[in-house]
Amino acid sequence: MRRYHHRYPVLPVVAWLLLGFFPVDAAAQQDQQPAIRFVGNPDPAPDFKLTGLDGKPVSLADSKGKVILLNFWATWCGPCRAEIYDLIGLQAKYKDGFQILSLIVDDDDAAAIKTVVAKYGINYPVALAPNDIRIQYGGIAALPTSFLLDTEGRIVQKHEGLHNPMLYELEVRSLLGLPIGNVKVETFNDTGQIFIKNAVRATELPGVDLSKLAPEQKIVALHKFNAEGCTCGCQYTLAQCRIYDRNCQISKGATEKIIAALSGVPYVPAAAAVPPPPAQPTSSRSPEKPPE
């Protein structure tokens, strides 16, 4: 069963400072300088050839040389619909060097989708995303999920959930070489945040406490996390599953067992670690008669 999560990340107030919505003194503004982040070692985005709802071809190659926002969504997803008008505005504003490609997941009613597209007046290509494309892009655990591609067709950022449209605009402007004001551009290494296969680069994993291990033991643990598969049905390694679904108790328990074996500390499942509630005293009295 495919698991989707609706996430509502909140863009920090510092981003609003950029456009002067909240007056601050110079010192405070310097301390809270807004920043956008891109992958420093980006991988090429998997290309595809689809047919849009309008019958025209949809592919990354058709927008070569442009900044691309690849948006995975569904018509039944409230947060997905909430961002449509912002995406429409972004497409219209930067149409010369920017292209949004919209891929529908888990919704094969073409007539219903066309109704939604017409209702909102979507001005960018919309196509149905087959399962193989979703897998190539990491399974799409949350909706909406958007991948930002630079002009060389490499994925430099991934966003899950509903975001402030200003964030997208700052990123697009930066990739197009347009002014972005007093905003820093930072880089980070992809350790599974963008492509799940890059989890092998991770030195930390969500919900995994490696603090009890010596440095050499930590290396062994990470190797095991990337070598052993999770049995929850995700078909990922333990490391990949922790990144893909941090709520998975199976991968969490498996990683804890590995850490316990390496550290020499007996493994105690989380459920067993919680003491049972105290027993309630019994009474031989008959239940009181309820009031009439």
Protein backbone atom coordinates (compact mmCIF):
# COMPACT_ATOMS: atom_id res chain seq x y z
CA MET A 1 0.00 0.00 0.00
CA ARG A 2 1.37 3.41 -0.95
CA ARG A 3 1.67 5.79 1.99
CA TYR A 4 1.15 9.50 1.53
CA HIS A 5 1.66 12.21 4.09
CA HIS A 6 0.39 15.77 3.89
CA ARG A 7 3.07 18.10 5.20
CA TYR A 8 2.79 21.81 5.84
CA PRO A 9 6.33 23.19 6.26
CA VAL A 10 6.35 26.82 7.33
CA LEU A 11 8.72 29.23 5.63
CA PRO A 12 10.63 31.18 8.32
CA VAL A 13 9.64 34.76 8.97
CA VAL A 14 13.09 35.85 7.73
CA ALA A 15 11.94 35.18 4.18
CA TRP A 16 9.19 37.74 4.61
CA LEU A 17 11.79 40.24 5.83
CA LEU A 18 13.24 40.18 2.33
CA LEU A 19 10.29 42.08 0.94
CA GLY A 20 9.98 44.37 3.94
CA PHE A 21 6.75 43.01 5.39
CA PHE A 22 8.18 43.19 8.93
CA PRO A 23 10.46 46.12 9.83
CA VAL A 24 13.60 45.13 11.78
CA ASP A 25 16.80 46.89 12.74
CA ALA A 26 19.95 46.29 10.72
CA ALA A 27 21.64 44.10 13.36
CA ALA A 28 18.64 41.80 13.68
CA GLN A 29 18.32 41.57 9.91
CA GLN A 30 21.99 40.58 9.59
CA ASP A 31 21.57 37.86 12.24
CA GLN A 32 18.49 36.48 10.50
CA GLN A 33 19.59 36.72 6.88
CA PRO A 34 17.29 34.48 4.81
CA ALA A 35 18.80 31.64 2.83
CA ILE A 36 17.86 29.15 0.15
CA ARG A 37 19.59 25.79 -0.24
CA PHE A 38 20.55 23.72 -3.26
CA VAL A 39 22.24 20.34 -3.62
CA GLY A 40 25.95 20.84 -4.17
CA ASN A 41 26.36 17.49 -5.93
CA PRO A 42 23.13 17.24 -7.97
CA ASP A 43 22.16 14.15 -9.96
CA PRO A 44 20.45 14.28 -13.36
CA ALA A 45 16.67 14.02 -13.21
CA PRO A 46 15.24 10.84 -14.77
CA ASP A 47 13.61 11.82 -18.05
CA PHE A 48 10.26 10.52 -19.25
CA LYS A 49 7.98 10.73 -22.26
CA LEU A 50 4.31 11.15 -21.46
CA THR A 51 1.24 12.45 -23.20
CA GLY A 52 -0.47 15.40 -21.56
CA LEU A 53 -4.19 15.74 -21.03
CA ASP A 54 -4.22 18.02 -24.07
CA GLY A 55 -2.66 15.29 -26.24
CA LYS A 56 0.73 17.01 -26.48
CA PRO A 57 4.02 15.31 -25.43
CA VAL A 58 5.38 16.02 -21.96
CA SER A 59 9.05 15.43 -21.17
CA LEU A 60 12.03 17.07 -19.50
CA ALA A 61 13.86 17.18 -22.82
CA ASP A 62 11.19 19.50 -24.24
CA SER A 63 12.14 22.11 -21.62
CA LYS A 64 15.91 21.68 -21.92
CA GLY A 65 17.80 24.78 -20.84
CA LYS A 66 14.99 25.98 -18.57
CA VAL A 67 14.56 25.80 -14.82
CA ILE A 68 11.91 23.13 -14.21
CA LEU A 69 9.55 22.54 -11.31
CA LEU A 70 8.30 18.95 -11.49
CA ASN A 71 5.15 18.85 -9.38
CA PHE A 72 3.63 15.52 -8.26
CA TRP A 73 0.08 15.91 -6.95
CA ALA A 74 -3.47 14.58 -6.96
CA THR A 75 -6.80 16.29 -7.52
CA TRP A 76 -8.17 14.87 -4.22
CA CYS A 77 -5.26 16.38 -2.25
CA GLY A 78 -6.30 19.62 -0.51
CA PRO A 79 -2.75 21.06 -0.07
CA CYS A 80 -2.09 20.27 -3.74
CA ARG A 81 -5.09 22.31 -4.87
CA ALA A 82 -4.17 25.11 -2.45
CA GLU A 83 -0.91 25.83 -4.28
CA ILE A 84 -2.28 25.72 -7.84
CA TYR A 85 -2.99 29.45 -8.19
CA ASP A 86 0.50 30.30 -6.89
CA LEU A 87 2.05 27.92 -9.41
CA ILE A 88 -0.03 29.43 -12.19
CA GLY A 89 1.25 32.88 -11.25
CA LEU A 90 4.84 31.68 -11.07
CA GLN A 91 4.60 30.07 -14.51
CA ALA A 92 3.15 33.21 -16.07
CA LYS A 93 5.77 35.48 -14.48
CA TYR A 94 8.84 33.49 -15.51
CA LYS A 95 7.60 31.70 -18.64
CA ASP A 96 10.67 32.59 -20.73
CA GLY A 97 13.14 30.59 -18.64
CA PHE A 98 10.97 28.48 -16.36
CA GLN A 99 8.61 25.56 -16.86
CA ILE A 100 6.28 23.72 -14.50
CA LEU A 101 5.46 20.11 -15.37
CA SER A 102 2.52 18.66 -13.48
CA LEU A 103 2.30 14.90 -12.89
CA ILE A 104 -0.88 13.42 -11.43
CA VAL A 105 -0.54 10.38 -9.13
CA ASP A 106 -3.19 7.93 -7.89
CA ASP A 107 -5.91 9.49 -10.00
CA ASP A 108 -6.75 7.89 -13.34
CA ASP A 109 -10.09 9.59 -14.02
CA ALA A 110 -9.01 11.73 -16.97
CA ALA A 111 -12.40 13.44 -17.29
CA ALA A 112 -12.37 14.52 -13.62
CA ILE A 113 -8.78 15.74 -13.91
CA LYS A 114 -9.61 17.77 -17.01
CA THR A 115 -12.46 19.38 -15.08
CA VAL A 116 -10.08 20.46 -12.32
CA VAL A 117 -7.52 21.74 -14.83
CA ALA A 118 -10.19 23.79 -16.59
CA LYS A 119 -11.64 25.09 -13.32
CA TYR A 120 -8.30 26.47 -12.14
CA GLY A 121 -7.09 27.55 -15.58
CA ILE A 122 -3.79 25.68 -15.23
CA ASN A 123 -1.28 27.12 -17.69
CA TYR A 124 1.34 24.35 -17.65
CA PRO A 125 1.35 20.75 -18.94
CA VAL A 126 -0.51 18.12 -16.91
CA ALA A 127 0.01 14.38 -17.40
CA LEU A 128 -0.64 11.15 -15.52
CA ALA A 129 2.44 9.71 -13.79
CA PRO A 130 2.79 5.93 -14.18
CA ASN A 131 4.18 3.92 -11.29
CA ASP A 132 7.64 3.50 -12.81
CA ILE A 133 8.19 7.26 -12.90
CA ARG A 134 7.12 7.61 -9.28
CA ILE A 135 9.61 4.90 -8.32
CA GLN A 136 12.42 6.63 -10.23
CA TYR A 137 11.73 9.77 -8.21
CA GLY A 138 11.80 7.97 -4.86
CA GLY A 139 8.28 6.64 -4.49
CA ILE A 140 6.64 10.03 -3.69
CA ALA A 141 5.84 9.59 0.01
CA ALA A 142 4.05 12.93 0.42
CA LEU A 143 1.72 15.11 -1.63
CA PRO A 144 2.40 17.51 -3.07
CA THR A 145 6.05 16.77 -3.83
CA SER A 146 8.01 19.09 -6.12
CA PHE A 147 11.48 18.64 -7.59
CA LEU A 148 13.40 21.71 -8.73
CA LEU A 149 15.73 21.23 -11.70
CA ASP A 150 18.46 23.63 -12.78
CA THR A 151 19.06 24.60 -16.40
CA GLU A 152 21.26 21.52 -16.84
CA GLY A 153 18.43 19.15 -15.88
CA ARG A 154 19.82 18.27 -12.45
CA ILE A 155 17.66 18.05 -9.32
CA VAL A 156 18.87 20.70 -6.90
CA GLN A 157 16.01 20.70 -4.39
CA LYS A 158 12.97 18.71 -3.31
CA HIS A 159 9.98 20.05 -1.42
CA GLU A 160 7.27 17.98 0.26
CA GLY A 161 4.00 19.54 1.36
CA LEU A 162 2.60 23.03 1.04
CA HIS A 163 5.19 25.82 1.02
CA ASN A 164 5.13 29.59 0.92
CA PRO A 165 5.25 30.53 -2.79
CA MET A 166 7.99 33.04 -2.06
CA LEU A 167 10.37 30.16 -1.46
CA TYR A 168 9.78 28.79 -4.96
CA GLU A 169 10.17 32.23 -6.50
CA LEU A 170 13.47 32.89 -4.72
CA GLU A 171 14.82 29.54 -5.88
CA VAL A 172 13.69 30.05 -9.46
CA ARG A 173 15.15 33.56 -9.61
CA SER A 174 18.46 32.32 -8.22
CA LEU A 175 18.71 29.52 -10.78
CA LEU A 176 17.85 31.98 -13.56
CA GLY A 177 20.59 34.34 -12.43
CA LEU A 178 18.11 37.05 -11.39
CA PRO A 179 18.55 39.28 -8.30
CA ILE A 180 17.32 37.74 -5.04
CA GLY A 181 18.13 40.59 -2.66
CA ASN A 182 19.80 39.90 0.66
CA VAL A 183 19.38 36.12 0.44
CA LYS A 184 22.20 33.64 0.93
CA VAL A 185 22.54 30.61 -1.34
CA GLU A 186 23.78 27.59 0.57
CA THR A 187 24.60 24.09 -0.63
CA PHE A 188 24.25 20.66 0.96
CA ASN A 189 25.07 17.07 0.03
CA ASP A 190 22.23 14.77 -0.92
CA THR A 191 22.24 11.94 1.62
CA GLY A 192 18.82 10.63 0.68
CA GLN A 193 16.78 13.81 0.92
CA ILE A 194 16.48 14.05 -2.87
CA PHE A 195 17.23 10.56 -4.22
CA ILE A 196 16.64 7.73 -1.76
CA LYS A 197 19.53 5.79 -3.30
CA ASN A 198 21.91 8.38 -1.89
CA ALA A 199 21.13 7.21 1.65
CA VAL A 200 24.47 5.38 1.47
CA ARG A 201 26.11 8.79 1.98
CA ALA A 202 24.21 9.50 5.21
CA THR A 203 26.06 9.61 8.52
CA GLU A 204 22.86 10.21 10.52
CA LEU A 205 19.37 8.78 10.06
CA PRO A 206 15.97 9.93 11.36
CA GLY A 207 15.12 8.33 14.69
CA VAL A 208 18.40 6.41 14.93
CA ASP A 209 20.60 7.12 17.97
CA LEU A 210 24.23 6.33 17.19
CA SER A 211 25.66 8.19 20.19
CA LYS A 212 26.39 4.97 22.11
CA LEU A 213 28.75 3.70 19.41
CA ALA A 214 32.45 4.31 18.97
CA PRO A 215 33.45 5.87 15.62
CA GLU A 216 34.47 2.51 14.12
CA GLN A 217 31.25 0.89 15.40
CA LYS A 218 29.21 3.68 13.82
CA ILE A 219 30.79 2.90 10.44
CA VAL A 220 29.88 -0.77 10.82
CA ALA A 221 26.30 0.13 11.84
CA LEU A 222 25.81 2.41 8.85
CA HIS A 223 27.14 -0.32 6.56
CA LYS A 224 24.62 -2.78 8.00
CA PHE A 225 21.79 -0.24 7.66
CA ASN A 226 22.59 0.08 3.96
CA ALA A 227 23.11 -3.66 3.41
CA GLU A 228 20.03 -5.07 5.14
CA GLY A 229 16.54 -4.69 3.71
CA CYS A 230 13.52 -3.54 5.70
CA THR A 231 10.73 -6.12 6.01
CA CYS A 232 7.87 -3.63 6.16
CA GLY A 233 7.17 -4.11 2.46
CA CYS A 234 8.81 -0.89 1.26
CA GLN A 235 11.53 -2.80 -0.64
CA TYR A 236 14.13 -0.36 0.68
CA THR A 237 17.20 -0.87 2.83
CA LEU A 238 16.90 -0.02 6.52
CA ALA A 239 18.67 3.28 5.90
CA GLN A 240 16.42 4.17 2.99
CA CYS A 241 13.28 3.24 4.92
CA ARG A 242 14.27 5.48 7.85
CA ILE A 243 14.56 8.40 5.42
CA TYR A 244 11.47 7.46 3.39
CA ASP A 245 9.19 6.73 6.36
CA ARG A 246 10.52 7.81 9.73
CA ASN A 247 7.35 6.47 11.35
CA CYS A 248 8.13 2.88 10.32
CA GLN A 249 8.49 0.88 13.53
CA ILE A 250 9.97 -2.13 11.73
CA SER A 251 13.04 -0.29 10.41
CA LYS A 252 13.34 1.55 13.73
CA GLY A 253 13.38 -1.72 15.69
CA ALA A 254 15.83 -3.35 13.26
CA THR A 255 18.32 -0.48 13.52
CA GLU A 256 18.02 -0.50 17.31
CA LYS A 257 18.85 -4.23 17.36
CA ILE A 258 21.97 -3.62 15.26
CA ILE A 259 23.10 -0.80 17.56
CA ALA A 260 22.47 -2.93 20.64
CA ALA A 261 24.50 -5.82 19.22
CA LEU A 262 27.45 -3.57 18.43
CA SER A 263 27.37 -1.68 21.74
CA GLY A 264 26.86 -4.76 23.90
CA VAL A 265 23.78 -3.26 25.51
CA PRO A 266 20.81 -5.67 25.57
CA TYR A 267 18.09 -4.71 23.13
CA VAL A 268 14.83 -3.76 24.81
CA PRO A 269 11.89 -3.07 22.48
CA ALA A 270 10.29 0.31 23.06
CA ALA A 271 6.96 -1.26 24.06
CA ALA A 272 8.68 -3.46 26.66
CA ALA A 273 10.61 -0.51 28.06
CA VAL A 274 7.41 1.22 29.19
CA PRO A 275 6.26 -0.16 32.56
CA PRO A 276 2.66 -1.36 32.62
CA PRO A 277 0.14 0.81 34.46
CA PRO A 278 -0.44 -0.12 38.11
CA ALA A 279 -3.21 -2.66 38.65
CA GLN A 280 -6.45 -1.21 39.88
CA PRO A 281 -7.55 -2.48 43.33
CA THR A 282 -10.37 -4.98 43.18
CA SER A 283 -13.49 -4.71 45.27
CA SER A 284 -16.00 -7.30 46.39
CA ARG A 285 -18.70 -4.67 46.59
CA SER A 286 -21.52 -4.87 44.12
CA PRO A 287 -21.71 -2.07 41.58
CA GLU A 288 -23.66 0.88 42.80
CA LYS A 289 -27.13 1.23 41.46
CA PRO A 290 -27.20 4.09 38.94
CA PRO A 291 -29.36 7.02 39.87
CA GLU A 292 -32.89 6.95 38.52
